[in-house]
C-alpha atoms as a PDB file:
ATOM      1  CA  MET A   1      -8.825   8.916 -49.779  1.00  0.00           C
ATOM      2  CA  ARG A   2     -11.906   7.060 -50.911  1.00  0.00           C
ATOM      3  CA  ASP A   3     -12.787   7.049 -54.650  1.00  0.00           C
ATOM      4  CA  ASP A   4     -16.157   8.741 -54.037  1.00  0.00           C
ATOM      5  CA  MET A   5     -14.375  11.732 -52.225  1.00  0.00           C
ATOM      6  CA  ILE A   6     -12.194  12.220 -55.411  1.00  0.00           C
ATOM      7  CA  SER A   7     -15.220  12.423 -57.585  1.00  0.00           C
ATOM      8  CA  CYS A   8     -16.988  14.719 -55.129  1.00  0.00           C
ATOM      9  CA  LEU A   9     -13.998  17.096 -55.121  1.00  0.00           C
ATOM     10  CA  ILE A  10     -13.866  17.092 -58.995  1.00  0.00           C
ATOM     11  CA  GLN A  11     -17.618  17.852 -59.041  1.00  0.00           C
ATOM     12  CA  LEU A  12     -17.189  20.742 -56.603  1.00  0.00           C
ATOM     13  CA  VAL A  13     -14.330  22.144 -58.603  1.00  0.00           C
ATOM     14  CA  GLN A  14     -16.415  21.823 -61.827  1.00  0.00           C
ATOM     15  CA  GLU A  15     -19.420  23.691 -60.258  1.00  0.00           C
ATOM     16  CA  THR A  16     -17.442  26.578 -58.854  1.00  0.00           C
ATOM     17  CA  SER A  17     -16.469  28.404 -62.107  1.00  0.00           C
ATOM     18  CA  ASN A  18     -15.192  31.555 -60.348  1.00  0.00           C
ATOM     19  CA  LEU A  19     -12.481  29.404 -58.728  1.00  0.00           C
ATOM     20  CA  HIS A  20     -11.358  27.398 -61.701  1.00  0.00           C
ATOM     21  CA  ALA A  21      -8.134  29.424 -62.332  1.00  0.00           C
ATOM     22  CA  TYR A  22      -7.175  29.568 -58.771  1.00  0.00           C
ATOM     23  CA  THR A  23      -7.867  25.785 -58.220  1.00  0.00           C
ATOM     24  CA  VAL A  24      -6.093  24.569 -61.429  1.00  0.00           C
ATOM     25  CA  GLN A  25      -2.949  26.741 -60.443  1.00  0.00           C
ATOM     26  CA  GLN A  26      -2.872  25.479 -56.864  1.00  0.00           C
ATOM     27  CA  LEU A  27      -3.286  21.926 -57.907  1.00  0.00           C
ATOM     28  CA  TYR A  28      -0.556  22.188 -60.403  1.00  0.00           C
ATOM     29  CA  ARG A  29       1.712  23.710 -57.791  1.00  0.00           C
ATOM     30  CA  ALA A  30       0.937  20.906 -55.309  1.00  0.00           C
ATOM     31  CA  MET A  31       1.322  18.200 -58.036  1.00  0.00           C
ATOM     32  CA  SER A  32       4.675  19.767 -58.938  1.00  0.00           C
ATOM     33  CA  ALA A  33       5.872  19.724 -55.299  1.00  0.00           C
ATOM     34  CA  ASP A  34       4.786  16.060 -54.520  1.00  0.00           C
ATOM     35  CA  ILE A  35       3.766  13.593 -57.230  1.00  0.00           C
ATOM     36  CA  SER A  36       3.586  10.654 -54.912  1.00  0.00           C
ATOM     37  CA  GLN A  37      -0.066  11.219 -53.927  1.00  0.00           C
ATOM     38  CA  GLN A  38      -2.357   9.314 -56.231  1.00  0.00           C
ATOM     39  CA  PRO A  39      -5.556  11.215 -55.304  1.00  0.00           C
ATOM     40  CA  LEU A  40      -3.994  14.530 -55.823  1.00  0.00           C
ATOM     41  CA  LEU A  41      -2.700  13.411 -59.223  1.00  0.00           C
ATOM     42  CA  GLN A  42      -6.252  12.207 -60.220  1.00  0.00           C
ATOM     43  CA  VAL A  43      -7.899  15.518 -59.309  1.00  0.00           C
ATOM     44  CA  ALA A  44      -5.128  17.630 -60.591  1.00  0.00           C
ATOM     45  CA  THR A  45      -4.823  16.046 -63.931  1.00  0.00           C
ATOM     46  CA  TRP A  46      -8.592  16.142 -64.395  1.00  0.00           C
ATOM     47  CA  CYS A  47      -8.620  19.829 -63.533  1.00  0.00           C
ATOM     48  CA  ILE A  48      -5.600  20.659 -65.753  1.00  0.00           C
ATOM     49  CA  GLY A  49      -7.294  18.747 -68.502  1.00  0.00           C
ATOM     50  CA  GLU A  50     -10.519  20.724 -68.168  1.00  0.00           C
ATOM     51  CA  PHE A  51      -9.214  24.156 -67.190  1.00  0.00           C
ATOM     52  CA  GLY A  52      -5.582  24.130 -68.402  1.00  0.00           C
ATOM     53  CA  ASP A  53      -6.166  27.275 -70.414  1.00  0.00           C
ATOM     54  CA  GLN A  54      -6.605  29.088 -67.126  1.00  0.00           C
ATOM     55  CA  LEU A  55      -3.337  27.777 -65.672  1.00  0.00           C
ATOM     56  CA  PHE A  56      -1.540  30.924 -66.862  1.00  0.00           C
ATOM     57  CA  ASN A  57      -4.014  33.538 -65.690  1.00  0.00           C
ATOM     58  CA  VAL A  58      -2.887  35.635 -62.789  1.00  0.00           C
ATOM     59  CA  THR A  59      -5.623  35.320 -60.127  1.00  0.00           C
ATOM     60  CA  SER A  60      -4.439  38.027 -57.775  1.00  0.00           C
ATOM     61  CA  GLU A  61      -1.809  40.711 -57.660  1.00  0.00           C
ATOM     62  CA  ASP A  62       0.210  38.580 -55.104  1.00  0.00           C
ATOM     63  CA  ASP A  63       0.375  35.555 -57.360  1.00  0.00           C
ATOM     64  CA  GLU A  64       3.260  34.806 -59.682  1.00  0.00           C
ATOM     65  CA  PRO A  65       2.241  33.269 -63.095  1.00  0.00           C
ATOM     66  CA  VAL A  66       2.747  29.514 -63.250  1.00  0.00           C
ATOM     67  CA  GLN A  67       5.799  28.550 -65.046  1.00  0.00           C
ATOM     68  CA  VAL A  68       5.432  25.207 -66.923  1.00  0.00           C
ATOM     69  CA  SER A  69       8.299  23.512 -68.756  1.00  0.00           C
ATOM     70  CA  ALA A  70       7.618  20.976 -71.411  1.00  0.00           C
ATOM     71  CA  SER A  71       9.772  18.344 -69.650  1.00  0.00           C
ATOM     72  CA  VAL A  72       8.031  18.744 -66.280  1.00  0.00           C
ATOM     73  CA  SER A  73       4.572  18.564 -67.926  1.00  0.00           C
ATOM     74  CA  ARG A  74       5.441  15.431 -69.872  1.00  0.00           C
ATOM     75  CA  SER A  75       6.815  13.767 -66.736  1.00  0.00           C
ATOM     76  CA  MET A  76       3.751  14.673 -64.618  1.00  0.00           C
ATOM     77  CA  LEU A  77       1.366  13.492 -67.255  1.00  0.00           C
ATOM     78  CA  TYR A  78       3.317  10.232 -67.706  1.00  0.00           C
ATOM     79  CA  LEU A  79       3.314   9.564 -63.873  1.00  0.00           C
ATOM     80  CA  SER A  80      -0.335  10.516 -63.495  1.00  0.00           C
ATOM     81  CA  ASP A  81      -1.240   8.111 -66.404  1.00  0.00           C
ATOM     82  CA  CYS A  82       0.706   5.389 -64.628  1.00  0.00           C
ATOM     83  CA  PHE A  83      -0.973   5.960 -61.249  1.00  0.00           C
ATOM     84  CA  ILE A  84      -4.514   6.001 -62.992  1.00  0.00           C
ATOM     85  CA  HIS A  85      -3.674   2.886 -64.950  1.00  0.00           C
ATOM     86  CA  ILE A  86      -2.505   1.028 -61.728  1.00  0.00           C
ATOM     87  CA  HIS A  87      -5.566   2.289 -59.796  1.00  0.00           C
ATOM     88  CA  TYR A  88      -7.993   0.868 -62.426  1.00  0.00           C
ATOM     89  CA  GLN A  89      -6.120  -2.394 -62.668  1.00  0.00           C
ATOM     90  CA  SER A  90      -6.441  -2.886 -58.882  1.00  0.00           C
ATOM     91  CA  GLN A  91     -10.245  -2.589 -58.948  1.00  0.00           C
END
């Protein structure tokens, strides 16, 4: 994925306030399932940083609340930091 697409997606999420809770929850779940995709990590960590307070909101009756363990959170943040660091070194 091109870098400009990542920034466009982040901008789209930022401008769509009624979807912040849903978006941050889905990105967290996707990142929890597969942390090997660097663009996903970039978008997800930005969204969690901005809208993390909405991570635990239930967005619909069918959704289960997101369960976040401290160890998983630390691991994901560490890995995303590594990916971002590697990305900026390669530019």
